[in-house]
Each structure stands twice: as structure tokens, then as C-alpha cells.
Amino acid sequence: MASYESFAQVYDLYMDNVPYDAWCHNLLTLLEEYHIPKGLVAELGCGTGKMTRLLAREGFDMIGIDNSYDMLGIAMEQGPADILYLCQDMQAFELYGTVAAVVSVCDSINYLPTPEDLKQVLKLVNNYLDPDGIFIFDVNTEYKYREILGDNVFAENREHGSFIWENEYDEKSRINAYELTLYIENEDGETYSRYAEEHFQRAFSLEEIKKAISESGMAFVEAMDVDTMESISDTTERMYIICKEQGKEAL
């Protein structure tokens, strides 16, 4: 089963504590810093299109890419109609031309199981970026999986449902397996529906990421802590990676 397939309709309810507005501000700051104040931008792993819509409201022409029909169906219901959504795997996506930038947030890249898979994504991004275009993506760090998530259970009761999030991190493979179970109140207000899925995310070291970037033909630019927008530290939980297109000549 594809990730989030069974409970796409309740995904936004579960993710209501994700700081999308702050992340959008971060992306806007970085895009401006790297001289991309407007233009065509693609988002990999766009899900229900929350970030895609936020960037569209800031004036970017957006393309949202995700491998879940269910998630994209919800994204398209939210509008606006001028956002292009494509149901494609990020390891094999195809665009009609190049874009000024590519972004990916909410640890979508951590779903890639190996450094080779990461390199494949980077090669495709490099191919579809304008000359000197940039790719900004975030990843959960090894520290977060090992010290914060690994072998821990998180549960929360809410007004109209609850969730249980069980994690198991293997330090050898650096894979975090987690089972997510949600109980969501139905329209009758008396019964609940149960949604459950198992997910796997991989922790990539900065060295692995830099190596994949180099081997893909792209150029590493910088890494920074998502929360502080400063240099990463030993306790950084989520980091931005910024890399740049190489190989094309500007017209």
C-alpha cells in the first residue's frame, strides 16, 4: 500500500500541528536569497498540497508532485485550479520543461530507502532545473531518529479523535519503522473509524547527502537547522539542504 493511501482524508487533521506557515517563510527567505523571487517551482512529495498552495499565494507558479492519487485528490479539491498536480514517483518524475526551483518539505526525502535512491532523485532534479536553479529539501536527522523518535510511542487524544504513533529505529540500517493508528470520529458523532499504516524512513548523514549531491552532478551549497535557520549542530532535529543545478549554460 502506498504511504498515506488509507487515511488521506484525515491527513490534514493529523498534521494540524505542523508549522507550514513558518516553513513557508523559511522557503521564501531562501528563494529570495538565491535570487528566485518568482517563477515556476515544483514541490516533491506535496501530499495534500498545503505548502504548494502557500507558495502559490506568494506568487509562484506551482507544480505539485506526489505518488498518492488520494492525497492529490484532496489537494485538487482545495484549489486554486491553476496549480498543476502530477501523480508521479519522485524517483521517476517527468516535467514538460525546466523550473526555477524544486522544494521538498516534511521529511519526504527520508522516505527514500538508500543513498542511491537519493542520488537518482537529485539527478532528475538537476535535469529539470533552470541554469543555476536550486533544490531546497528538508530531512529528519540521525539525532532525531535515534534520540527523539526511536523506540518511543506518542499518543494524543483530540476532540474528534486520537492517534497512536509507535516508532522503532534500527541504528545499523538507519531505518525508522513506525506504525500510525488513528481513530477518527464519524459524522454520526458516536462511532469512530480506524486508520492504520506502517511507514519506513531512513536517516541520511550530511556526508551521505553531500556525496549523493556530488555524484548526481549537482553542487552542494549549504545545510542549516530548520528551526534556527543557522548552522546545524549535534542536536539539530531537522535540517535544510540547499544544492544548485550544474551542467547547463544560461541563454
C-alpha atoms as a PDB file:
ATOM      1  CA  MET A   1       0.000   0.000   0.000  1.00  0.00           C
ATOM      2  CA  ALA A   2       1.305   3.443  -0.866  1.00  0.00           C
ATOM      3  CA  SER A   3       2.093   5.742   2.022  1.00  0.00           C
ATOM      4  CA  TYR A   4      -0.937   7.627   3.406  1.00  0.00           C
ATOM      5  CA  GLU A   5      -3.255   5.815   0.999  1.00  0.00           C
ATOM      6  CA  SER A   6      -5.772   4.588   3.558  1.00  0.00           C
ATOM      7  CA  PHE A   7      -6.224   7.802   5.563  1.00  0.00           C
ATOM      8  CA  ALA A   8      -5.544  10.581   3.086  1.00  0.00           C
ATOM      9  CA  GLN A   9      -8.862  12.182   4.023  1.00  0.00           C
ATOM     10  CA  VAL A  10      -7.753  12.664   7.641  1.00  0.00           C
ATOM     11  CA  TYR A  11      -4.109  13.517   6.933  1.00  0.00           C
ATOM     12  CA  ASP A  12      -4.540  17.268   7.411  1.00  0.00           C
ATOM     13  CA  LEU A  13      -6.308  16.669  10.734  1.00  0.00           C
ATOM     14  CA  TYR A  14      -3.357  14.610  11.945  1.00  0.00           C
ATOM     15  CA  MET A  15      -0.835  17.172  10.630  1.00  0.00           C
ATOM     16  CA  ASP A  16      -2.527  20.239  12.095  1.00  0.00           C
ATOM     17  CA  ASN A  17       0.450  20.947  14.375  1.00  0.00           C
ATOM     18  CA  VAL A  18       2.990  21.105  11.535  1.00  0.00           C
ATOM     19  CA  PRO A  19       4.354  24.688  11.212  1.00  0.00           C
ATOM     20  CA  TYR A  20       3.666  25.096   7.496  1.00  0.00           C
ATOM     21  CA  ASP A  21       3.474  28.886   7.725  1.00  0.00           C
ATOM     22  CA  ALA A  22       6.913  29.095   9.369  1.00  0.00           C
ATOM     23  CA  TRP A  23       8.338  26.657   6.833  1.00  0.00           C
ATOM     24  CA  CYS A  24       6.864  28.708   4.006  1.00  0.00           C
ATOM     25  CA  HIS A  25       8.518  31.817   5.427  1.00  0.00           C
ATOM     26  CA  ASN A  26      11.827  29.924   5.532  1.00  0.00           C
ATOM     27  CA  LEU A  27      11.477  28.837   1.914  1.00  0.00           C
ATOM     28  CA  LEU A  28      10.583  32.346   0.789  1.00  0.00           C
ATOM     29  CA  THR A  29      13.665  33.689   2.586  1.00  0.00           C
ATOM     30  CA  LEU A  30      15.905  31.114   0.901  1.00  0.00           C
ATOM     31  CA  LEU A  31      14.365  31.534  -2.536  1.00  0.00           C
ATOM     32  CA  GLU A  32      14.899  35.272  -2.343  1.00  0.00           C
ATOM     33  CA  GLU A  33      18.453  34.805  -1.072  1.00  0.00           C
ATOM     34  CA  TYR A  34      19.223  32.645  -4.091  1.00  0.00           C
ATOM     35  CA  HIS A  35      17.620  35.123  -6.495  1.00  0.00           C
ATOM     36  CA  ILE A  36      14.387  33.261  -7.188  1.00  0.00           C
ATOM     37  CA  PRO A  37      11.700  35.763  -6.120  1.00  0.00           C
ATOM     38  CA  LYS A  38       9.212  34.404  -8.660  1.00  0.00           C
ATOM     39  CA  GLY A  39       8.838  31.801 -11.386  1.00  0.00           C
ATOM     40  CA  LEU A  40       7.937  28.141 -11.784  1.00  0.00           C
ATOM     41  CA  VAL A  41       8.573  25.946  -8.734  1.00  0.00           C
ATOM     42  CA  ALA A  42       7.952  22.207  -8.272  1.00  0.00           C
ATOM     43  CA  GLU A  43       7.308  20.541  -4.933  1.00  0.00           C
ATOM     44  CA  LEU A  44       8.248  16.884  -4.495  1.00  0.00           C
ATOM     45  CA  GLY A  45       6.090  14.895  -2.074  1.00  0.00           C
ATOM     46  CA  CYS A  46       3.461  17.628  -1.955  1.00  0.00           C
ATOM     47  CA  GLY A  47       0.821  15.457  -0.256  1.00  0.00           C
ATOM     48  CA  THR A  48      -2.439  17.358   0.141  1.00  0.00           C
ATOM     49  CA  GLY A  49      -0.799  20.492  -1.269  1.00  0.00           C
ATOM     50  CA  LYS A  50      -0.548  22.621   1.873  1.00  0.00           C
ATOM     51  CA  MET A  51       2.883  24.067   1.039  1.00  0.00           C
ATOM     52  CA  THR A  52       2.108  24.123  -2.673  1.00  0.00           C
ATOM     53  CA  ARG A  53      -0.855  26.407  -2.018  1.00  0.00           C
ATOM     54  CA  LEU A  54       1.084  28.656   0.356  1.00  0.00           C
ATOM     55  CA  LEU A  55       3.812  29.226  -2.224  1.00  0.00           C
ATOM     56  CA  ALA A  56       1.205  29.785  -4.950  1.00  0.00           C
ATOM     57  CA  ARG A  57      -0.355  32.516  -2.806  1.00  0.00           C
ATOM     58  CA  GLU A  58       3.056  34.188  -2.695  1.00  0.00           C
ATOM     59  CA  GLY A  59       3.066  34.452  -6.478  1.00  0.00           C
ATOM     60  CA  PHE A  60       4.944  31.329  -7.583  1.00  0.00           C
ATOM     61  CA  ASP A  61       3.619  29.170 -10.417  1.00  0.00           C
ATOM     62  CA  MET A  62       3.425  25.796  -8.733  1.00  0.00           C
ATOM     63  CA  ILE A  63       3.660  22.141  -9.733  1.00  0.00           C
ATOM     64  CA  GLY A  64       2.851  19.600  -7.021  1.00  0.00           C
ATOM     65  CA  ILE A  65       4.218  16.066  -7.385  1.00  0.00           C
ATOM     66  CA  ASP A  66       3.166  13.105  -5.231  1.00  0.00           C
ATOM     67  CA  ASN A  67       2.723   9.367  -5.734  1.00  0.00           C
ATOM     68  CA  SER A  68      -0.660   9.170  -3.960  1.00  0.00           C
ATOM     69  CA  TYR A  69      -3.829   9.698  -6.005  1.00  0.00           C
ATOM     70  CA  ASP A  70      -5.784  10.050  -2.770  1.00  0.00           C
ATOM     71  CA  MET A  71      -3.597  12.846  -1.427  1.00  0.00           C
ATOM     72  CA  LEU A  72      -3.607  14.683  -4.748  1.00  0.00           C
ATOM     73  CA  GLY A  73      -7.374  14.348  -4.971  1.00  0.00           C
ATOM     74  CA  ILE A  74      -7.662  16.289  -1.721  1.00  0.00           C
ATOM     75  CA  ALA A  75      -5.088  18.822  -2.948  1.00  0.00           C
ATOM     76  CA  MET A  76      -7.078  19.493  -6.108  1.00  0.00           C
ATOM     77  CA  GLU A  77     -10.298  19.933  -4.131  1.00  0.00           C
ATOM     78  CA  GLN A  78      -8.640  22.755  -2.186  1.00  0.00           C
ATOM     79  CA  GLY A  79      -7.768  24.751  -5.336  1.00  0.00           C
ATOM     80  CA  PRO A  80      -6.694  27.012  -6.915  1.00  0.00           C
ATOM     81  CA  ALA A  81      -7.243  25.488 -10.329  1.00  0.00           C
ATOM     82  CA  ASP A  82      -4.037  26.884 -11.821  1.00  0.00           C
ATOM     83  CA  ILE A  83      -1.792  24.586  -9.753  1.00  0.00           C
ATOM     84  CA  LEU A  84      -0.633  21.590 -11.796  1.00  0.00           C
ATOM     85  CA  TYR A  85      -0.632  18.356  -9.805  1.00  0.00           C
ATOM     86  CA  LEU A  86       1.159  15.274 -11.120  1.00  0.00           C
ATOM     87  CA  CYS A  87       0.835  11.772  -9.701  1.00  0.00           C
ATOM     88  CA  GLN A  88       4.425  10.581 -10.046  1.00  0.00           C
ATOM     89  CA  ASP A  89       7.109   8.875  -8.007  1.00  0.00           C
ATOM     90  CA  MET A  90       9.839  11.364  -7.122  1.00  0.00           C
ATOM     91  CA  GLN A  91      12.409   8.811  -8.327  1.00  0.00           C
ATOM     92  CA  ALA A  92      10.927   8.854 -11.825  1.00  0.00           C
ATOM     93  CA  PHE A  93       9.144  12.193 -12.214  1.00  0.00           C
ATOM     94  CA  GLU A  94       8.899  13.941 -15.575  1.00  0.00           C
ATOM     95  CA  LEU A  95       8.213  17.590 -16.311  1.00  0.00           C
ATOM     96  CA  TYR A  96       7.430  19.365 -19.579  1.00  0.00           C
ATOM     97  CA  GLY A  97      10.377  21.729 -19.144  1.00  0.00           C
ATOM     98  CA  THR A  98      12.675  23.220 -16.553  1.00  0.00           C
ATOM     99  CA  VAL A  99      11.736  25.071 -13.364  1.00  0.00           C
ATOM    100  CA  ALA A 100      13.420  27.818 -11.361  1.00  0.00           C
ATOM    101  CA  ALA A 101      13.473  25.769  -8.151  1.00  0.00           C
ATOM    102  CA  VAL A 102      12.408  22.487  -6.607  1.00  0.00           C
ATOM    103  CA  VAL A 103      11.414  22.159  -2.956  1.00  0.00           C
ATOM    104  CA  SER A 104      10.530  19.249  -0.699  1.00  0.00           C
ATOM    105  CA  VAL A 105       9.404  19.549   2.923  1.00  0.00           C
ATOM    106  CA  CYS A 106       8.042  17.488   5.812  1.00  0.00           C
ATOM    107  CA  ASP A 107      10.779  14.817   5.539  1.00  0.00           C
ATOM    108  CA  SER A 108       9.536  13.443   2.219  1.00  0.00           C
ATOM    109  CA  ILE A 109      13.152  12.729   1.245  1.00  0.00           C
ATOM    110  CA  ASN A 110      13.553  10.470   4.297  1.00  0.00           C
ATOM    111  CA  TYR A 111      11.195   8.012   2.593  1.00  0.00           C
ATOM    112  CA  LEU A 112      13.947   7.199   0.094  1.00  0.00           C
ATOM    113  CA  PRO A 113      15.450   3.905   1.300  1.00  0.00           C
ATOM    114  CA  THR A 114      19.059   4.243   0.109  1.00  0.00           C
ATOM    115  CA  PRO A 115      21.669   6.834  -0.883  1.00  0.00           C
ATOM    116  CA  GLU A 116      21.379   5.528  -4.450  1.00  0.00           C
ATOM    117  CA  ASP A 117      17.690   6.407  -4.463  1.00  0.00           C
ATOM    118  CA  LEU A 118      18.555   9.867  -3.183  1.00  0.00           C
ATOM    119  CA  LYS A 119      21.129  10.243  -5.948  1.00  0.00           C
ATOM    120  CA  GLN A 120      18.522   9.261  -8.542  1.00  0.00           C
ATOM    121  CA  VAL A 121      16.150  11.969  -7.304  1.00  0.00           C
ATOM    122  CA  LEU A 122      18.960  14.529  -7.350  1.00  0.00           C
ATOM    123  CA  LYS A 123      19.859  13.601 -10.940  1.00  0.00           C
ATOM    124  CA  LEU A 124      16.276  14.191 -12.031  1.00  0.00           C
ATOM    125  CA  VAL A 125      16.089  17.475 -10.142  1.00  0.00           C
ATOM    126  CA  ASN A 126      19.325  18.634 -11.760  1.00  0.00           C
ATOM    127  CA  ASN A 127      17.912  17.733 -15.168  1.00  0.00           C
ATOM    128  CA  TYR A 128      14.729  19.760 -14.667  1.00  0.00           C
ATOM    129  CA  LEU A 129      16.226  22.852 -13.034  1.00  0.00           C
ATOM    130  CA  ASP A 130      16.945  26.060 -14.904  1.00  0.00           C
ATOM    131  CA  PRO A 131      20.635  27.034 -15.088  1.00  0.00           C
ATOM    132  CA  ASP A 132      21.701  27.894 -11.519  1.00  0.00           C
ATOM    133  CA  GLY A 133      18.324  26.767 -10.204  1.00  0.00           C
ATOM    134  CA  ILE A 134      18.201  25.444  -6.655  1.00  0.00           C
ATOM    135  CA  PHE A 135      16.794  22.471  -4.797  1.00  0.00           C
ATOM    136  CA  ILE A 136      15.780  23.025  -1.167  1.00  0.00           C
ATOM    137  CA  PHE A 137      14.735  19.988   0.838  1.00  0.00           C
ATOM    138  CA  ASP A 138      14.473  19.082   4.494  1.00  0.00           C
ATOM    139  CA  VAL A 139      15.382  15.830   6.226  1.00  0.00           C
ATOM    140  CA  ASN A 140      14.980  14.483   9.713  1.00  0.00           C
ATOM    141  CA  THR A 141      18.442  13.931  11.199  1.00  0.00           C
ATOM    142  CA  GLU A 142      20.055  10.841  12.677  1.00  0.00           C
ATOM    143  CA  TYR A 143      19.887  12.557  16.065  1.00  0.00           C
ATOM    144  CA  LYS A 144      16.102  12.907  15.824  1.00  0.00           C
ATOM    145  CA  TYR A 145      15.513   9.273  14.908  1.00  0.00           C
ATOM    146  CA  ARG A 146      17.975   7.959  17.476  1.00  0.00           C
ATOM    147  CA  GLU A 147      17.210  10.233  20.435  1.00  0.00           C
ATOM    148  CA  ILE A 148      13.714  11.648  19.899  1.00  0.00           C
ATOM    149  CA  LEU A 149      11.659   9.185  17.866  1.00  0.00           C
ATOM    150  CA  GLY A 150      13.410   5.830  18.104  1.00  0.00           C
ATOM    151  CA  ASP A 151      11.652   3.174  20.189  1.00  0.00           C
ATOM    152  CA  ASN A 152       9.184   5.706  21.546  1.00  0.00           C
ATOM    153  CA  VAL A 153       5.403   5.786  21.423  1.00  0.00           C
ATOM    154  CA  PHE A 154       3.475   9.030  21.079  1.00  0.00           C
ATOM    155  CA  ALA A 155      -0.262   9.237  21.654  1.00  0.00           C
ATOM    156  CA  GLU A 156      -2.744  12.071  21.786  1.00  0.00           C
ATOM    157  CA  ASN A 157      -6.463  12.434  22.367  1.00  0.00           C
ATOM    158  CA  ARG A 158      -8.219  15.187  20.485  1.00  0.00           C
ATOM    159  CA  GLU A 159     -11.769  16.480  20.384  1.00  0.00           C
ATOM    160  CA  HIS A 160     -12.787  14.353  17.415  1.00  0.00           C
ATOM    161  CA  GLY A 161     -10.300  11.506  17.548  1.00  0.00           C
ATOM    162  CA  SER A 162      -6.955  10.227  18.718  1.00  0.00           C
ATOM    163  CA  PHE A 163      -3.736   8.782  17.343  1.00  0.00           C
ATOM    164  CA  ILE A 164      -1.003   6.362  18.395  1.00  0.00           C
ATOM    165  CA  TRP A 165       2.430   6.672  16.769  1.00  0.00           C
ATOM    166  CA  GLU A 166       4.825   3.780  17.507  1.00  0.00           C
ATOM    167  CA  ASN A 167       8.475   4.041  16.408  1.00  0.00           C
ATOM    168  CA  GLU A 168      11.299   1.535  16.107  1.00  0.00           C
ATOM    169  CA  TYR A 169      14.696   2.761  14.941  1.00  0.00           C
ATOM    170  CA  ASP A 170      17.429   0.374  13.765  1.00  0.00           C
ATOM    171  CA  GLU A 171      20.840   2.056  14.084  1.00  0.00           C
ATOM    172  CA  LYS A 172      22.552  -0.421  11.756  1.00  0.00           C
ATOM    173  CA  SER A 173      20.228   0.133   8.783  1.00  0.00           C
ATOM    174  CA  ARG A 174      19.305   3.638   9.968  1.00  0.00           C
ATOM    175  CA  ILE A 175      15.679   2.839   9.171  1.00  0.00           C
ATOM    176  CA  ASN A 176      12.908   4.145  11.397  1.00  0.00           C
ATOM    177  CA  ALA A 177       9.800   1.992  11.116  1.00  0.00           C
ATOM    178  CA  TYR A 178       6.652   3.492  12.515  1.00  0.00           C
ATOM    179  CA  GLU A 179       3.080   2.390  12.829  1.00  0.00           C
ATOM    180  CA  LEU A 180       0.498   5.127  12.863  1.00  0.00           C
ATOM    181  CA  THR A 181      -3.036   4.380  14.029  1.00  0.00           C
ATOM    182  CA  LEU A 182      -5.789   6.987  14.057  1.00  0.00           C
ATOM    183  CA  TYR A 183      -9.300   6.788  15.461  1.00  0.00           C
ATOM    184  CA  ILE A 184     -11.436   9.476  13.860  1.00  0.00           C
ATOM    185  CA  GLU A 185     -14.987  10.361  14.855  1.00  0.00           C
ATOM    186  CA  ASN A 186     -17.579   9.686  12.174  1.00  0.00           C
ATOM    187  CA  GLU A 187     -20.301  12.135  11.143  1.00  0.00           C
ATOM    188  CA  ASP A 188     -22.821  10.495  13.491  1.00  0.00           C
ATOM    189  CA  GLY A 189     -20.736  11.691  16.437  1.00  0.00           C
ATOM    190  CA  GLU A 190     -20.989   8.297  18.112  1.00  0.00           C
ATOM    191  CA  THR A 191     -18.794   5.881  16.177  1.00  0.00           C
ATOM    192  CA  TYR A 192     -15.145   6.012  15.109  1.00  0.00           C
ATOM    193  CA  SER A 193     -13.217   4.817  12.071  1.00  0.00           C
ATOM    194  CA  ARG A 194      -9.771   3.291  12.484  1.00  0.00           C
ATOM    195  CA  TYR A 195      -6.962   4.098  10.047  1.00  0.00           C
ATOM    196  CA  ALA A 196      -3.602   2.351  10.263  1.00  0.00           C
ATOM    197  CA  GLU A 197      -0.439   2.318   8.178  1.00  0.00           C
ATOM    198  CA  GLU A 198       3.203   1.367   8.521  1.00  0.00           C
ATOM    199  CA  HIS A 199       5.919   3.679   7.229  1.00  0.00           C
ATOM    200  CA  PHE A 200       9.664   3.484   6.821  1.00  0.00           C
ATOM    201  CA  GLN A 201      12.051   6.433   6.820  1.00  0.00           C
ATOM    202  CA  ARG A 202      15.830   6.457   6.500  1.00  0.00           C
ATOM    203  CA  ALA A 203      18.244   8.716   8.337  1.00  0.00           C
ATOM    204  CA  PHE A 204      20.830  10.210   5.985  1.00  0.00           C
ATOM    205  CA  SER A 205      24.039  11.664   7.342  1.00  0.00           C
ATOM    206  CA  LEU A 206      25.196  15.001   5.969  1.00  0.00           C
ATOM    207  CA  GLU A 207      28.213  13.224   4.487  1.00  0.00           C
ATOM    208  CA  GLU A 208      25.955  10.796   2.603  1.00  0.00           C
ATOM    209  CA  ILE A 209      23.846  13.659   1.315  1.00  0.00           C
ATOM    210  CA  LYS A 210      26.873  15.633   0.150  1.00  0.00           C
ATOM    211  CA  LYS A 211      28.226  12.551  -1.633  1.00  0.00           C
ATOM    212  CA  ALA A 212      24.894  11.911  -3.382  1.00  0.00           C
ATOM    213  CA  ILE A 213      24.721  15.556  -4.444  1.00  0.00           C
ATOM    214  CA  SER A 214      28.232  15.437  -5.894  1.00  0.00           C
ATOM    215  CA  GLU A 215      27.658  12.137  -7.712  1.00  0.00           C
ATOM    216  CA  SER A 216      24.361  13.399  -9.143  1.00  0.00           C
ATOM    217  CA  GLY A 217      26.091  16.310 -10.840  1.00  0.00           C
ATOM    218  CA  MET A 218      24.664  18.973  -8.563  1.00  0.00           C
ATOM    219  CA  ALA A 219      26.628  21.338  -6.308  1.00  0.00           C
ATOM    220  CA  PHE A 220      26.175  21.377  -2.533  1.00  0.00           C
ATOM    221  CA  VAL A 221      25.603  24.914  -1.234  1.00  0.00           C
ATOM    222  CA  GLU A 222      24.783  24.724   2.472  1.00  0.00           C
ATOM    223  CA  ALA A 223      22.966  22.931   5.276  1.00  0.00           C
ATOM    224  CA  MET A 224      21.080  24.683   8.072  1.00  0.00           C
ATOM    225  CA  ASP A 225      18.865  23.965  11.049  1.00  0.00           C
ATOM    226  CA  VAL A 226      15.205  24.354  10.081  1.00  0.00           C
ATOM    227  CA  ASP A 227      14.212  25.760  13.469  1.00  0.00           C
ATOM    228  CA  THR A 228      17.010  28.325  13.827  1.00  0.00           C
ATOM    229  CA  MET A 229      17.949  28.918  10.169  1.00  0.00           C
ATOM    230  CA  GLU A 230      21.559  28.772  11.369  1.00  0.00           C
ATOM    231  CA  SER A 231      24.344  26.189  11.080  1.00  0.00           C
ATOM    232  CA  ILE A 232      23.413  22.668  12.093  1.00  0.00           C
ATOM    233  CA  SER A 233      24.524  21.270  15.445  1.00  0.00           C
ATOM    234  CA  ASP A 234      24.748  17.852  17.106  1.00  0.00           C
ATOM    235  CA  THR A 235      21.158  18.304  18.328  1.00  0.00           C
ATOM    236  CA  THR A 236      19.580  19.544  15.091  1.00  0.00           C
ATOM    237  CA  GLU A 237      16.392  17.561  14.512  1.00  0.00           C
ATOM    238  CA  ARG A 238      15.520  18.729  11.002  1.00  0.00           C
ATOM    239  CA  MET A 239      17.860  20.331   8.502  1.00  0.00           C
ATOM    240  CA  TYR A 240      17.538  22.088   5.192  1.00  0.00           C
ATOM    241  CA  ILE A 241      19.841  21.084   2.384  1.00  0.00           C
ATOM    242  CA  ILE A 242      20.378  23.580  -0.425  1.00  0.00           C
ATOM    243  CA  CYS A 243      22.044  22.458  -3.638  1.00  0.00           C
ATOM    244  CA  LYS A 244      22.383  24.041  -7.037  1.00  0.00           C
ATOM    245  CA  GLU A 245      21.997  22.962 -10.658  1.00  0.00           C
ATOM    246  CA  GLN A 246      25.166  22.287 -12.620  1.00  0.00           C
ATOM    247  CA  GLY A 247      25.769  21.453 -16.248  1.00  0.00           C
ATOM    248  CA  LYS A 248      23.547  23.880 -18.113  1.00  0.00           C
ATOM    249  CA  GLU A 249      24.513  27.216 -19.578  1.00  0.00           C
ATOM    250  CA  ALA A 250      22.243  30.208 -19.245  1.00  0.00           C
ATOM    251  CA  LEU A 251      20.917  31.579 -22.533  1.00  0.00           C
END
